[in-house]
C-alpha atoms as a PDB file:
ATOM      1  CA  MET A   1     -13.714 -49.204-108.159  1.00  0.00           C
ATOM      2  CA  MET A   2     -12.214 -47.192-111.002  1.00  0.00           C
ATOM      3  CA  THR A   3      -9.366 -44.855-110.589  1.00  0.00           C
ATOM      4  CA  GLY A   4     -10.706 -41.441-109.754  1.00  0.00           C
ATOM      5  CA  GLY A   5     -14.140 -42.566-108.706  1.00  0.00           C
ATOM      6  CA  LEU A   6     -15.393 -42.657-105.074  1.00  0.00           C
ATOM      7  CA  SER A   7     -16.223 -45.895-103.495  1.00  0.00           C
ATOM      8  CA  ASP A   8     -19.553 -46.549-101.808  1.00  0.00           C
ATOM      9  CA  PRO A   9     -19.770 -45.371 -98.231  1.00  0.00           C
ATOM     10  CA  LYS A  10     -18.747 -48.019 -95.704  1.00  0.00           C
ATOM     11  CA  PRO A  11     -18.774 -48.295 -91.931  1.00  0.00           C
ATOM     12  CA  ALA A  12     -15.610 -46.968 -90.425  1.00  0.00           C
ATOM     13  CA  THR A  13     -12.943 -49.595 -89.542  1.00  0.00           C
ATOM     14  CA  PRO A  14     -10.195 -49.295 -86.932  1.00  0.00           C
ATOM     15  CA  GLU A  15      -7.680 -48.484 -89.621  1.00  0.00           C
ATOM     16  CA  VAL A  16      -9.935 -45.558 -90.784  1.00  0.00           C
ATOM     17  CA  GLN A  17     -10.223 -44.320 -87.146  1.00  0.00           C
ATOM     18  CA  HIS A  18      -6.420 -44.497 -86.893  1.00  0.00           C
ATOM     19  CA  LEU A  19      -6.150 -42.326 -90.015  1.00  0.00           C
ATOM     20  CA  ALA A  20      -8.596 -39.808 -88.536  1.00  0.00           C
ATOM     21  CA  ASP A  21      -6.703 -39.747 -85.234  1.00  0.00           C
ATOM     22  CA  GLN A  22      -3.390 -39.048 -87.060  1.00  0.00           C
ATOM     23  CA  VAL A  23      -4.765 -35.952 -88.688  1.00  0.00           C
ATOM     24  CA  LYS A  24      -6.706 -34.739 -85.554  1.00  0.00           C
ATOM     25  CA  PRO A  25      -3.915 -32.487 -84.428  1.00  0.00           C
ATOM     26  CA  GLN A  26      -3.815 -30.787 -87.877  1.00  0.00           C
ATOM     27  CA  LEU A  27      -7.596 -30.139 -87.854  1.00  0.00           C
ATOM     28  CA  GLU A  28      -7.408 -28.816 -84.202  1.00  0.00           C
ATOM     29  CA  SER A  29      -4.643 -26.400 -85.181  1.00  0.00           C
ATOM     30  CA  ARG A  30      -6.501 -25.102 -88.193  1.00  0.00           C
ATOM     31  CA  GLU A  31      -9.709 -24.717 -86.340  1.00  0.00           C
ATOM     32  CA  ASN A  32      -8.141 -23.534 -83.069  1.00  0.00           C
ATOM     33  CA  GLU A  33     -10.403 -26.081 -81.224  1.00  0.00           C
ATOM     34  CA  THR A  34     -10.083 -29.248 -79.221  1.00  0.00           C
ATOM     35  CA  TYR A  35     -12.284 -32.197 -80.006  1.00  0.00           C
ATOM     36  CA  ASN A  36     -12.943 -34.413 -77.038  1.00  0.00           C
ATOM     37  CA  ILE A  37     -15.193 -36.705 -79.271  1.00  0.00           C
ATOM     38  CA  PHE A  38     -13.642 -37.716 -82.590  1.00  0.00           C
ATOM     39  CA  THR A  39     -15.172 -40.953 -83.804  1.00  0.00           C
ATOM     40  CA  ALA A  40     -15.074 -41.976 -87.436  1.00  0.00           C
ATOM     41  CA  ILE A  41     -18.460 -43.148 -88.583  1.00  0.00           C
ATOM     42  CA  ILE A  42     -18.428 -43.918 -92.294  1.00  0.00           C
ATOM     43  CA  TYR A  43     -15.797 -43.448 -95.017  1.00  0.00           C
ATOM     44  CA  ARG A  44     -15.359 -43.501 -98.804  1.00  0.00           C
ATOM     45  CA  THR A  45     -12.225 -43.785-100.775  1.00  0.00           C
ATOM     46  CA  GLN A  46     -10.874 -42.418-104.036  1.00  0.00           C
ATOM     47  CA  VAL A  47      -7.775 -43.962-105.776  1.00  0.00           C
ATOM     48  CA  VAL A  48      -5.374 -41.343-107.090  1.00  0.00           C
ATOM     49  CA  ALA A  49      -1.527 -41.379-106.910  1.00  0.00           C
ATOM     50  CA  GLY A  50      -2.256 -42.730-103.420  1.00  0.00           C
ATOM     51  CA  ILE A  51      -5.623 -42.818-101.732  1.00  0.00           C
ATOM     52  CA  ASN A  52      -8.042 -39.989-100.726  1.00  0.00           C
ATOM     53  CA  TYR A  53     -10.103 -40.988 -97.712  1.00  0.00           C
ATOM     54  CA  PHE A  54     -13.357 -39.120 -97.214  1.00  0.00           C
ATOM     55  CA  ILE A  55     -14.284 -39.644 -93.523  1.00  0.00           C
ATOM     56  CA  LYS A  56     -17.388 -38.574 -91.528  1.00  0.00           C
ATOM     57  CA  VAL A  57     -16.255 -37.930 -87.940  1.00  0.00           C
ATOM     58  CA  GLN A  58     -18.555 -37.343 -85.004  1.00  0.00           C
ATOM     59  CA  SER A  59     -17.242 -34.413 -83.000  1.00  0.00           C
ATOM     60  CA  SER A  60     -20.023 -33.882 -80.492  1.00  0.00           C
ATOM     61  CA  ASP A  61     -23.404 -35.348 -79.670  1.00  0.00           C
ATOM     62  CA  ASN A  62     -24.953 -33.959 -82.946  1.00  0.00           C
ATOM     63  CA  GLU A  63     -22.192 -32.348 -84.888  1.00  0.00           C
ATOM     64  CA  TYR A  64     -20.034 -33.926 -87.508  1.00  0.00           C
ATOM     65  CA  ILE A  65     -17.041 -33.067 -89.600  1.00  0.00           C
ATOM     66  CA  HIS A  66     -16.110 -34.373 -93.058  1.00  0.00           C
ATOM     67  CA  LEU A  67     -12.346 -34.970 -93.562  1.00  0.00           C
ATOM     68  CA  ARG A  68     -10.454 -35.518 -96.704  1.00  0.00           C
ATOM     69  CA  ILE A  69      -7.230 -37.221 -95.913  1.00  0.00           C
ATOM     70  CA  PHE A  70      -4.578 -38.172 -98.506  1.00  0.00           C
ATOM     71  CA  GLN A  71      -2.462 -41.358 -97.860  1.00  0.00           C
ATOM     72  CA  ALA A  72       0.528 -41.492-100.158  1.00  0.00           C
ATOM     73  CA  LEU A  73       1.758 -44.742-101.880  1.00  0.00           C
ATOM     74  CA  PRO A  74       3.603 -46.971 -99.244  1.00  0.00           C
ATOM     75  CA  GLN A  75       6.968 -46.500-101.073  1.00  0.00           C
ATOM     76  CA  GLU A  76       6.746 -42.724-100.588  1.00  0.00           C
ATOM     77  CA  ASN A  77       6.961 -43.197 -96.773  1.00  0.00           C
ATOM     78  CA  GLN A  78       4.696 -40.107 -95.929  1.00  0.00           C
ATOM     79  CA  ASP A  79       2.358 -39.694 -93.058  1.00  0.00           C
ATOM     80  CA  PRO A  80      -1.322 -39.104 -94.006  1.00  0.00           C
ATOM     81  CA  SER A  81      -2.304 -35.374 -94.450  1.00  0.00           C
ATOM     82  CA  LEU A  82      -5.512 -33.633 -93.983  1.00  0.00           C
ATOM     83  CA  THR A  83      -6.069 -31.916 -97.337  1.00  0.00           C
ATOM     84  CA  ASP A  84      -9.436 -30.478 -96.684  1.00  0.00           C
ATOM     85  CA  TYR A  85     -12.396 -30.571 -94.250  1.00  0.00           C
ATOM     86  CA  GLN A  86     -15.938 -29.479 -93.740  1.00  0.00           C
ATOM     87  CA  THR A  87     -17.350 -28.381 -90.299  1.00  0.00           C
ATOM     88  CA  GLY A  88     -20.983 -27.990 -89.356  1.00  0.00           C
ATOM     89  CA  LYS A  89     -22.205 -31.251 -90.789  1.00  0.00           C
ATOM     90  CA  THR A  90     -24.990 -33.402 -89.529  1.00  0.00           C
ATOM     91  CA  ARG A  91     -25.460 -37.094 -89.152  1.00  0.00           C
ATOM     92  CA  ASP A  92     -27.557 -37.104 -92.234  1.00  0.00           C
ATOM     93  CA  ASP A  93     -25.363 -35.059 -94.572  1.00  0.00           C
ATOM     94  CA  PRO A  94     -24.084 -37.156 -97.416  1.00  0.00           C
ATOM     95  CA  LEU A  95     -20.490 -37.743 -97.592  1.00  0.00           C
ATOM     96  CA  VAL A  96     -19.572 -36.525-101.079  1.00  0.00           C
ATOM     97  CA  TYR A  97     -16.457 -35.293-102.872  1.00  0.00           C
ATOM     98  CA  PHE A  98     -15.229 -31.826-101.740  1.00  0.00           C
END
Protein backbone atom coordinates (compact mmCIF):
# COMPACT_ATOMS: atom_id res chain seq x y z
CA MET A 1 0.00 0.00 0.00
CA MET A 2 1.35 3.41 -0.90
CA THR A 3 1.37 6.30 1.54
CA GLY A 4 -1.93 8.14 1.46
CA GLY A 5 -3.93 5.40 -0.28
CA LEU A 6 -6.54 3.24 1.45
CA SER A 7 -5.91 -0.46 1.89
CA ASP A 8 -8.43 -3.01 0.69
CA PRO A 9 -11.16 -3.83 3.25
CA LYS A 10 -10.19 -6.62 5.66
CA PRO A 11 -12.08 -8.48 8.39
CA ALA A 12 -11.65 -6.79 11.76
CA THR A 13 -9.02 -8.27 14.06
CA PRO A 14 -8.89 -8.21 17.87
CA GLU A 15 -6.45 -5.28 17.59
CA VAL A 16 -8.95 -3.31 15.48
CA GLN A 17 -11.74 -4.09 17.96
CA HIS A 18 -9.46 -2.78 20.73
CA LEU A 19 -8.95 0.49 18.81
CA ALA A 20 -12.71 0.86 18.37
CA ASP A 21 -13.27 0.15 22.06
CA GLN A 22 -10.70 2.81 23.00
CA VAL A 23 -12.58 5.56 21.11
CA LYS A 24 -16.10 4.35 22.01
CA PRO A 25 -16.37 6.82 24.95
CA GLN A 26 -15.45 9.70 22.58
CA LEU A 27 -18.24 8.67 20.17
CA GLU A 28 -20.78 8.17 22.96
CA SER A 29 -19.97 11.63 24.32
CA ARG A 30 -20.32 13.30 20.91
CA GLU A 31 -23.56 11.48 20.10
CA ASN A 32 -24.97 11.56 23.66
CA GLU A 33 -25.73 7.88 23.18
CA THR A 34 -24.70 4.60 24.82
CA TYR A 35 -23.92 1.70 22.49
CA ASN A 36 -24.52 -1.73 23.99
CA ILE A 37 -23.42 -3.41 20.77
CA PHE A 38 -20.10 -2.12 19.39
CA THR A 39 -18.57 -4.80 17.18
CA ALA A 40 -15.90 -4.02 14.59
CA ILE A 41 -16.77 -5.78 11.31
CA ILE A 42 -14.27 -4.64 8.67
CA TYR A 43 -11.53 -2.04 8.42
CA ARG A 44 -9.22 -0.23 6.04
CA THR A 45 -6.03 1.68 6.79
CA GLN A 46 -4.36 4.77 5.40
CA VAL A 47 -0.69 5.47 6.12
CA VAL A 48 -0.09 9.15 6.93
CA ALA A 49 2.13 10.53 9.72
CA GLY A 50 0.73 7.59 11.68
CA ILE A 51 -2.22 5.46 10.57
CA ASN A 52 -5.85 6.33 9.92
CA TYR A 53 -8.13 3.38 10.58
CA PHE A 54 -11.52 3.35 8.87
CA ILE A 55 -13.66 0.87 10.79
CA LYS A 56 -17.24 -0.31 10.21
CA VAL A 57 -18.80 -1.01 13.62
CA GLN A 58 -22.14 -2.73 14.19
CA SER A 59 -24.10 -0.73 16.78
CA SER A 60 -27.43 -2.59 16.73
CA ASP A 61 -29.11 -5.44 14.85
CA ASN A 62 -29.13 -3.49 11.59
CA GLU A 63 -27.33 -0.19 12.25
CA TYR A 64 -23.69 0.51 11.62
CA ILE A 65 -21.28 3.37 12.25
CA HIS A 66 -18.17 4.20 10.25
CA LEU A 67 -15.28 5.43 12.40
CA ARG A 68 -12.06 7.18 11.39
CA ILE A 69 -9.45 6.72 14.10
CA PHE A 70 -5.98 8.24 14.03
CA GLN A 71 -3.18 6.25 15.63
CA ALA A 72 -0.01 8.32 15.97
CA LEU A 73 3.45 6.84 15.46
CA PRO A 74 4.62 4.77 18.46
CA GLN A 75 7.36 7.25 19.45
CA GLU A 76 4.71 9.98 19.89
CA ASN A 77 3.16 7.99 22.78
CA GLN A 78 -0.42 9.14 22.11
CA ASP A 79 -3.71 7.30 22.53
CA PRO A 80 -5.82 6.73 19.42
CA SER A 81 -8.30 9.51 18.67
CA LEU A 82 -11.66 9.53 16.94
CA THR A 83 -11.18 12.06 14.14
CA ASP A 84 -14.50 11.56 12.35
CA TYR A 85 -17.48 9.24 12.14
CA GLN A 86 -20.66 8.59 10.16
CA THR A 87 -23.84 7.22 11.74
CA GLY A 88 -26.89 5.74 10.04
CA LYS A 89 -24.90 3.29 7.94
CA THR A 90 -26.01 -0.17 6.84
CA ARG A 91 -24.17 -3.47 6.54
CA ASP A 92 -23.91 -2.97 2.78
CA ASP A 93 -22.65 0.64 2.75
CA PRO A 94 -19.09 0.66 1.39
CA LEU A 95 -16.35 1.74 3.77
CA VAL A 96 -14.72 4.63 1.92
CA TYR A 97 -12.64 7.69 2.78
CA PHE A 98 -14.52 10.40 4.66
